Amino acid sequence: WGRPYLTRAAFTLLGERMGDRIALVLAYQD
């Protein structure tokens, strides 16, 4: 899109306000 639509603060607020309705899938290497 040229630039991200959401700000960094959006993710913190989403986690605080609706974390039980979020599933974050992360891949870890070492």
PDB file of all heavy atoms in Angstrom:
ATOM      1  N   TRP A   1       0.798  -1.218   0.000  1.00  0.00           N
ATOM      2  CA  TRP A   1       0.000   0.000   0.000  1.00  0.00           C
ATOM      3  C   TRP A   1       0.840   1.282   0.000  1.00  0.00           C
ATOM      4  O   TRP A   1       0.279   2.384  -0.032  1.00  0.00           O
ATOM      5  CB  TRP A   1      -0.916   0.027   1.240  1.00  0.00           C
ATOM      6  CG  TRP A   1      -1.595  -1.282   1.495  1.00  0.00           C
ATOM      7  CD1 TRP A   1      -2.362  -1.994   0.614  1.00  0.00           C
ATOM      8  CD2 TRP A   1      -1.553  -2.060   2.696  1.00  0.00           C
ATOM      9  NE1 TRP A   1      -2.807  -3.145   1.189  1.00  0.00           N
ATOM     10  CE2 TRP A   1      -2.333  -3.231   2.472  1.00  0.00           C
ATOM     11  CE3 TRP A   1      -0.966  -1.883   3.945  1.00  0.00           C
ATOM     12  CZ2 TRP A   1      -2.516  -4.203   3.437  1.00  0.00           C
ATOM     13  CZ3 TRP A   1      -1.150  -2.854   4.904  1.00  0.00           C
ATOM     14  CH2 TRP A   1      -1.908  -3.997   4.648  1.00  0.00           C
ATOM     15  N   GLY A   2       2.148   1.162   0.052  1.00  0.00           N
ATOM     16  CA  GLY A   2       2.985   2.348   0.126  1.00  0.00           C
ATOM     17  C   GLY A   2       3.308   2.729   1.550  1.00  0.00           C
ATOM     18  O   GLY A   2       4.416   3.146   1.862  1.00  0.00           O
ATOM     19  N   ARG A   3       2.339   2.580   2.421  1.00  0.00           N
ATOM     20  CA  ARG A   3       2.556   2.780   3.860  1.00  0.00           C
ATOM     21  C   ARG A   3       1.521   1.956   4.606  1.00  0.00           C
ATOM     22  O   ARG A   3       0.405   1.745   4.119  1.00  0.00           O
ATOM     23  CB  ARG A   3       2.437   4.260   4.246  1.00  0.00           C
ATOM     24  CG  ARG A   3       1.040   4.839   4.087  1.00  0.00           C
ATOM     25  CD  ARG A   3       0.968   6.265   4.601  1.00  0.00           C
ATOM     26  NE  ARG A   3      -0.369   6.817   4.496  1.00  0.00           N
ATOM     27  CZ  ARG A   3      -1.338   6.631   5.387  1.00  0.00           C
ATOM     28  NH1 ARG A   3      -1.103   5.887   6.455  1.00  0.00           N
ATOM     29  NH2 ARG A   3      -2.533   7.175   5.228  1.00  0.00           N
ATOM     30  N   PRO A   4       1.851   1.482   5.804  1.00  0.00           N
ATOM     31  CA  PRO A   4       0.882   0.704   6.571  1.00  0.00           C
ATOM     32  C   PRO A   4      -0.317   1.561   6.980  1.00  0.00           C
ATOM     33  O   PRO A   4      -0.181   2.755   7.257  1.00  0.00           O
ATOM     34  CB  PRO A   4       1.682   0.262   7.798  1.00  0.00           C
ATOM     35  CG  PRO A   4       3.116   0.384   7.405  1.00  0.00           C
ATOM     36  CD  PRO A   4       3.164   1.537   6.454  1.00  0.00           C
ATOM     37  N   TYR A   5      -1.496   0.965   7.018  1.00  0.00           N
ATOM     38  CA  TYR A   5      -2.701   1.695   7.407  1.00  0.00           C
ATOM     39  C   TYR A   5      -2.800   1.875   8.914  1.00  0.00           C
ATOM     40  O   TYR A   5      -3.225   2.921   9.403  1.00  0.00           O
ATOM     41  CB  TYR A   5      -3.946   0.951   6.908  1.00  0.00           C
ATOM     42  CG  TYR A   5      -4.123   0.932   5.417  1.00  0.00           C
ATOM     43  CD1 TYR A   5      -4.495  -0.238   4.766  1.00  0.00           C
ATOM     44  CD2 TYR A   5      -3.928   2.075   4.640  1.00  0.00           C
ATOM     45  CE1 TYR A   5      -4.680  -0.273   3.392  1.00  0.00           C
ATOM     46  CE2 TYR A   5      -4.098   2.050   3.262  1.00  0.00           C
ATOM     47  CZ  TYR A   5      -4.485   0.876   2.644  1.00  0.00           C
ATOM     48  OH  TYR A   5      -4.662   0.834   1.280  1.00  0.00           O
ATOM     49  N   LEU A   6      -2.426   0.833   9.662  1.00  0.00           N
ATOM     50  CA  LEU A   6      -2.557   0.883  11.114  1.00  0.00           C
ATOM     51  C   LEU A   6      -1.288   1.438  11.742  1.00  0.00           C
ATOM     52  O   LEU A   6      -0.186   1.204  11.259  1.00  0.00           O
ATOM     53  CB  LEU A   6      -2.831  -0.516  11.673  1.00  0.00           C
ATOM     54  CG  LEU A   6      -4.289  -0.967  11.763  1.00  0.00           C
ATOM     55  CD1 LEU A   6      -4.948  -0.984  10.398  1.00  0.00           C
ATOM     56  CD2 LEU A   6      -4.392  -2.350  12.413  1.00  0.00           C
ATOM     57  N   THR A   7      -1.460   2.164  12.826  1.00  0.00           N
ATOM     58  CA  THR A   7      -0.312   2.642  13.586  1.00  0.00           C
ATOM     59  C   THR A   7       0.165   1.551  14.545  1.00  0.00           C
ATOM     60  O   THR A   7      -0.545   0.575  14.809  1.00  0.00           O
ATOM     61  CB  THR A   7      -0.680   3.884  14.408  1.00  0.00           C
ATOM     62  OG1 THR A   7      -1.659   3.506  15.400  1.00  0.00           O
ATOM     63  CG2 THR A   7      -1.269   4.989  13.520  1.00  0.00           C
ATOM     64  N   ARG A   8       1.360   1.733  15.067  1.00  0.00           N
ATOM     65  CA  ARG A   8       1.877   0.757  16.041  1.00  0.00           C
ATOM     66  C   ARG A   8       0.965   0.687  17.260  1.00  0.00           C
ATOM     67  O   ARG A   8       0.738  -0.396  17.816  1.00  0.00           O
ATOM     68  CB  ARG A   8       3.311   1.150  16.437  1.00  0.00           C
ATOM     69  CG  ARG A   8       3.884   0.374  17.637  1.00  0.00           C
ATOM     70  CD  ARG A   8       3.998  -1.119  17.352  1.00  0.00           C
ATOM     71  NE  ARG A   8       4.504  -1.849  18.503  1.00  0.00           N
ATOM     72  CZ  ARG A   8       3.747  -2.275  19.499  1.00  0.00           C
ATOM     73  NH1 ARG A   8       2.438  -2.042  19.500  1.00  0.00           N
ATOM     74  NH2 ARG A   8       4.267  -2.948  20.511  1.00  0.00           N
ATOM     75  N   ALA A   9       0.428   1.841  17.677  1.00  0.00           N
ATOM     76  CA  ALA A   9      -0.432   1.863  18.862  1.00  0.00           C
ATOM     77  C   ALA A   9      -1.678   1.017  18.674  1.00  0.00           C
ATOM     78  O   ALA A   9      -2.243   0.502  19.652  1.00  0.00           O
ATOM     79  CB  ALA A   9      -0.825   3.302  19.193  1.00  0.00           C
ATOM     80  N   ALA A  10      -2.124   0.852  17.425  1.00  0.00           N
ATOM     81  CA  ALA A  10      -3.341   0.075  17.186  1.00  0.00           C
ATOM     82  C   ALA A  10      -3.196  -1.345  17.693  1.00  0.00           C
ATOM     83  O   ALA A  10      -4.140  -1.908  18.275  1.00  0.00           O
ATOM     84  CB  ALA A  10      -3.678   0.077  15.697  1.00  0.00           C
ATOM     85  N   PHE A  11      -2.027  -1.947  17.509  1.00  0.00           N
ATOM     86  CA  PHE A  11      -1.848  -3.340  17.909  1.00  0.00           C
ATOM     87  C   PHE A  11      -1.855  -3.496  19.426  1.00  0.00           C
ATOM     88  O   PHE A  11      -2.427  -4.449  19.958  1.00  0.00           O
ATOM     89  CB  PHE A  11      -0.570  -3.898  17.281  1.00  0.00           C
ATOM     90  CG  PHE A  11      -0.651  -3.990  15.792  1.00  0.00           C
ATOM     91  CD1 PHE A  11      -0.088  -3.006  14.991  1.00  0.00           C
ATOM     92  CD2 PHE A  11      -1.318  -5.031  15.176  1.00  0.00           C
ATOM     93  CE1 PHE A  11      -0.177  -3.073  13.613  1.00  0.00           C
ATOM     94  CE2 PHE A  11      -1.417  -5.109  13.796  1.00  0.00           C
ATOM     95  CZ  PHE A  11      -0.841  -4.120  13.013  1.00  0.00           C
ATOM     96  N   THR A  12      -1.232  -2.553  20.124  1.00  0.00           N
ATOM     97  CA  THR A  12      -1.287  -2.591  21.584  1.00  0.00           C
ATOM     98  C   THR A  12      -2.719  -2.477  22.073  1.00  0.00           C
ATOM     99  O   THR A  12      -3.156  -3.239  22.954  1.00  0.00           O
ATOM    100  CB  THR A  12      -0.436  -1.469  22.186  1.00  0.00           C
ATOM    101  OG1 THR A  12       0.948  -1.722  21.922  1.00  0.00           O
ATOM    102  CG2 THR A  12      -0.629  -1.374  23.699  1.00  0.00           C
ATOM    103  N   LEU A  13      -3.482  -1.538  21.505  1.00  0.00           N
ATOM    104  CA  LEU A  13      -4.867  -1.344  21.940  1.00  0.00           C
ATOM    105  C   LEU A  13      -5.734  -2.552  21.605  1.00  0.00           C
ATOM    106  O   LEU A  13      -6.584  -2.954  22.397  1.00  0.00           O
ATOM    107  CB  LEU A  13      -5.446  -0.079  21.301  1.00  0.00           C
ATOM    108  CG  LEU A  13      -4.850   1.245  21.776  1.00  0.00           C
ATOM    109  CD1 LEU A  13      -5.463   2.416  21.015  1.00  0.00           C
ATOM    110  CD2 LEU A  13      -5.057   1.423  23.278  1.00  0.00           C
ATOM    111  N   LEU A  14      -5.518  -3.143  20.429  1.00  0.00           N
ATOM    112  CA  LEU A  14      -6.277  -4.341  20.085  1.00  0.00           C
ATOM    113  C   LEU A  14      -5.979  -5.473  21.065  1.00  0.00           C
ATOM    114  O   LEU A  14      -6.879  -6.192  21.493  1.00  0.00           O
ATOM    115  CB  LEU A  14      -5.954  -4.778  18.656  1.00  0.00           C
ATOM    116  CG  LEU A  14      -6.486  -3.868  17.533  1.00  0.00           C
ATOM    117  CD1 LEU A  14      -5.902  -4.281  16.193  1.00  0.00           C
ATOM    118  CD2 LEU A  14      -8.008  -3.894  17.487  1.00  0.00           C
ATOM    119  N   GLY A  15      -4.710  -5.619  21.419  1.00  0.00           N
ATOM    120  CA  GLY A  15      -4.344  -6.641  22.387  1.00  0.00           C
ATOM    121  C   GLY A  15      -4.981  -6.405  23.749  1.00  0.00           C
ATOM    122  O   GLY A  15      -5.433  -7.340  24.406  1.00  0.00           O
ATOM    123  N   GLU A  16      -5.023  -5.149  24.174  1.00  0.00           N
ATOM    124  CA  GLU A  16      -5.599  -4.812  25.477  1.00  0.00           C
ATOM    125  C   GLU A  16      -7.109  -4.985  25.492  1.00  0.00           C
ATOM    126  O   GLU A  16      -7.684  -5.447  26.487  1.00  0.00           O
ATOM    127  CB  GLU A  16      -5.244  -3.374  25.841  1.00  0.00           C
ATOM    128  CG  GLU A  16      -3.773  -3.149  26.144  1.00  0.00           C
ATOM    129  CD  GLU A  16      -3.437  -1.686  26.370  1.00  0.00           C
ATOM    130  OE1 GLU A  16      -4.320  -0.802  26.182  1.00  0.00           O
ATOM    131  OE2 GLU A  16      -2.270  -1.401  26.706  1.00  0.00           O
ATOM    132  N   ARG A  17      -7.756  -4.600  24.395  1.00  0.00           N
ATOM    133  CA  ARG A  17      -9.215  -4.519  24.396  1.00  0.00           C
ATOM    134  C   ARG A  17      -9.915  -5.784  23.906  1.00  0.00           C
ATOM    135  O   ARG A  17     -11.075  -6.006  24.247  1.00  0.00           O
ATOM    136  CB  ARG A  17      -9.670  -3.316  23.559  1.00  0.00           C
ATOM    137  CG  ARG A  17      -9.197  -2.000  24.140  1.00  0.00           C
ATOM    138  CD  ARG A  17      -9.604  -0.806  23.297  1.00  0.00           C
ATOM    139  NE  ARG A  17      -9.029   0.415  23.850  1.00  0.00           N
ATOM    140  CZ  ARG A  17      -9.242   1.647  23.374  1.00  0.00           C
ATOM    141  NH1 ARG A  17     -10.042   1.796  22.305  1.00  0.00           N
ATOM    142  NH2 ARG A  17      -8.680   2.694  23.939  1.00  0.00           N
ATOM    143  N   MET A  18      -9.216  -6.573  23.088  1.00  0.00           N
ATOM    144  CA  MET A  18      -9.877  -7.765  22.542  1.00  0.00           C
ATOM    145  C   MET A  18      -8.888  -8.900  22.321  1.00  0.00           C
ATOM    146  O   MET A  18      -9.001  -9.663  21.367  1.00  0.00           O
ATOM    147  CB  MET A  18     -10.618  -7.417  21.246  1.00  0.00           C
ATOM    148  CG  MET A  18      -9.790  -6.737  20.187  1.00  0.00           C
ATOM    149  SD  MET A  18     -10.781  -6.121  18.759  1.00  0.00           S
ATOM    150  CE  MET A  18     -11.679  -7.557  18.227  1.00  0.00           C
ATOM    151  N   GLY A  19      -7.905  -9.006  23.224  1.00  0.00           N
ATOM    152  CA  GLY A  19      -6.869 -10.026  23.076  1.00  0.00           C
ATOM    153  C   GLY A  19      -7.408 -11.439  23.048  1.00  0.00           C
ATOM    154  O   GLY A  19      -6.840 -12.317  22.384  1.00  0.00           O
ATOM    155  N   ASP A  20      -8.534 -11.685  23.741  1.00  0.00           N
ATOM    156  CA  ASP A  20      -9.100 -13.027  23.746  1.00  0.00           C
ATOM    157  C   ASP A  20      -9.753 -13.388  22.418  1.00  0.00           C
ATOM    158  O   ASP A  20     -10.102 -14.548  22.186  1.00  0.00           O
ATOM    159  CB  ASP A  20     -10.118 -13.171  24.880  1.00  0.00           C
ATOM    160  CG  ASP A  20     -11.266 -12.183  24.776  1.00  0.00           C
ATOM    161  OD1 ASP A  20     -11.104 -11.133  24.131  1.00  0.00           O
ATOM    162  OD2 ASP A  20     -12.351 -12.460  25.343  1.00  0.00           O
ATOM    163  N   ARG A  21      -9.898 -12.401  21.534  1.00  0.00           N
ATOM    164  CA  ARG A  21     -10.463 -12.651  20.204  1.00  0.00           C
ATOM    165  C   ARG A  21      -9.390 -12.549  19.118  1.00  0.00           C
ATOM    166  O   ARG A  21      -9.698 -12.414  17.945  1.00  0.00           O
ATOM    167  CB  ARG A  21     -11.615 -11.682  19.924  1.00  0.00           C
ATOM    168  CG  ARG A  21     -12.873 -12.001  20.718  1.00  0.00           C
ATOM    169  CD  ARG A  21     -14.025 -11.098  20.367  1.00  0.00           C
ATOM    170  NE  ARG A  21     -13.927  -9.819  21.050  1.00  0.00           N
ATOM    171  CZ  ARG A  21     -14.798  -8.815  20.880  1.00  0.00           C
ATOM    172  NH1 ARG A  21     -15.794  -8.957  20.030  1.00  0.00           N
ATOM    173  NH2 ARG A  21     -14.649  -7.685  21.548  1.00  0.00           N
ATOM    174  N   ILE A  22      -8.128 -12.606  19.538  1.00  0.00           N
ATOM    175  CA  ILE A  22      -7.000 -12.527  18.615  1.00  0.00           C
ATOM    176  C   ILE A  22      -6.176 -13.804  18.712  1.00  0.00           C
ATOM    177  O   ILE A  22      -5.949 -14.325  19.816  1.00  0.00           O
ATOM    178  CB  ILE A  22      -6.126 -11.300  18.937  1.00  0.00           C
ATOM    179  CG1 ILE A  22      -6.847 -10.011  18.530  1.00  0.00           C
ATOM    180  CG2 ILE A  22      -4.765 -11.394  18.257  1.00  0.00           C
ATOM    181  CD1 ILE A  22      -6.133  -8.743  18.956  1.00  0.00           C
ATOM    182  N   ALA A  23      -5.744 -14.304  17.566  1.00  0.00           N
ATOM    183  CA  ALA A  23      -4.801 -15.421  17.519  1.00  0.00           C
ATOM    184  C   ALA A  23      -3.616 -14.981  16.666  1.00  0.00           C
ATOM    185  O   ALA A  23      -3.760 -14.762  15.461  1.00  0.00           O
ATOM    186  CB  ALA A  23      -5.448 -16.665  16.930  1.00  0.00           C
ATOM    187  N   LEU A  24      -2.478 -14.800  17.296  1.00  0.00           N
ATOM    188  CA  LEU A  24      -1.259 -14.366  16.619  1.00  0.00           C
ATOM    189  C   LEU A  24      -0.370 -15.584  16.405  1.00  0.00           C
ATOM    190  O   LEU A  24       0.073 -16.221  17.366  1.00  0.00           O
ATOM    191  CB  LEU A  24      -0.538 -13.309  17.452  1.00  0.00           C
ATOM    192  CG  LEU A  24       0.768 -12.755  16.873  1.00  0.00           C
ATOM    193  CD1 LEU A  24       0.538 -12.061  15.535  1.00  0.00           C
ATOM    194  CD2 LEU A  24       1.425 -11.801  17.866  1.00  0.00           C
ATOM    195  N   VAL A  25      -0.134 -15.922  15.148  1.00  0.00           N
ATOM    196  CA  VAL A  25       0.692 -17.074  14.797  1.00  0.00           C
ATOM    197  C   VAL A  25       2.081 -16.563  14.436  1.00  0.00           C
ATOM    198  O   VAL A  25       2.239 -15.781  13.489  1.00  0.00           O
ATOM    199  CB  VAL A  25       0.090 -17.862  13.623  1.00  0.00           C
ATOM    200  CG1 VAL A  25       0.936 -19.099  13.325  1.00  0.00           C
ATOM    201  CG2 VAL A  25      -1.350 -18.261  13.914  1.00  0.00           C
ATOM    202  N   LEU A  26       3.095 -16.989  15.198  1.00  0.00           N
ATOM    203  CA  LEU A  26       4.464 -16.531  14.976  1.00  0.00           C
ATOM    204  C   LEU A  26       5.359 -17.727  14.662  1.00  0.00           C
ATOM    205  O   LEU A  26       5.226 -18.801  15.257  1.00  0.00           O
ATOM    206  CB  LEU A  26       5.007 -15.810  16.205  1.00  0.00           C
ATOM    207  CG  LEU A  26       4.347 -14.473  16.580  1.00  0.00           C
ATOM    208  CD1 LEU A  26       4.949 -13.920  17.870  1.00  0.00           C
ATOM    209  CD2 LEU A  26       4.492 -13.453  15.454  1.00  0.00           C
ATOM    210  N   ALA A  27       6.278 -17.509  13.723  1.00  0.00           N
ATOM    211  CA  ALA A  27       7.304 -18.501  13.398  1.00  0.00           C
ATOM    212  C   ALA A  27       8.630 -18.015  13.975  1.00  0.00           C
ATOM    213  O   ALA A  27       9.042 -16.873  13.728  1.00  0.00           O
ATOM    214  CB  ALA A  27       7.410 -18.682  11.896  1.00  0.00           C
ATOM    215  N   TYR A  28       9.284 -18.891  14.745  1.00  0.00           N
ATOM    216  CA  TYR A  28      10.549 -18.560  15.386  1.00  0.00           C
ATOM    217  C   TYR A  28      11.670 -19.392  14.761  1.00  0.00           C
ATOM    218  O   TYR A  28      11.500 -20.588  14.512  1.00  0.00           O
ATOM    219  CB  TYR A  28      10.494 -18.864  16.882  1.00  0.00           C
ATOM    220  CG  TYR A  28       9.571 -17.982  17.678  1.00  0.00           C
ATOM    221  CD1 TYR A  28       8.202 -18.221  17.681  1.00  0.00           C
ATOM    222  CD2 TYR A  28      10.064 -16.922  18.435  1.00  0.00           C
ATOM    223  CE1 TYR A  28       7.341 -17.422  18.432  1.00  0.00           C
ATOM    224  CE2 TYR A  28       9.219 -16.116  19.182  1.00  0.00           C
ATOM    225  CZ  TYR A  28       7.860 -16.371  19.172  1.00  0.00           C
ATOM    226  OH  TYR A  28       7.017 -15.583  19.918  1.00  0.00           O
ATOM    227  N   GLN A  29      12.808 -18.744  14.547  1.00  0.00           N
ATOM    228  CA  GLN A  29      14.010 -19.449  14.121  1.00  0.00           C
ATOM    229  C   GLN A  29      15.117 -19.109  15.117  1.00  0.00           C
ATOM    230  O   GLN A  29      15.436 -17.931  15.319  1.00  0.00           O
ATOM    231  CB  GLN A  29      14.415 -19.021  12.708  1.00  0.00           C
ATOM    232  CG  GLN A  29      15.552 -19.838  12.122  1.00  0.00           C
ATOM    233  CD  GLN A  29      15.791 -19.475  10.667  1.00  0.00           C
ATOM    234  OE1 GLN A  29      16.368 -18.444  10.363  1.00  0.00           O
ATOM    235  NE2 GLN A  29      15.339 -20.351   9.765  1.00  0.00           N
ATOM    236  N   ASP A  30      15.654 -20.137  15.743  1.00  0.00           N
ATOM    237  CA  ASP A  30      16.672 -19.946  16.791  1.00  0.00           C
ATOM    238  C   ASP A  30      16.187 -18.974  17.867  1.00  0.00           C
ATOM    239  O   ASP A  30      16.939 -18.132  18.371  1.00  0.00           O
ATOM    240  CB  ASP A  30      17.976 -19.432  16.176  1.00  0.00           C
ATOM    241  CG  ASP A  30      18.565 -20.410  15.181  1.00  0.00           C
ATOM    242  OD1 ASP A  30      18.409 -21.628  15.388  1.00  0.00           O
ATOM    243  OD2 ASP A  30      19.156 -19.956  14.171  1.00  0.00           O
TER     244      ASP A  30
END
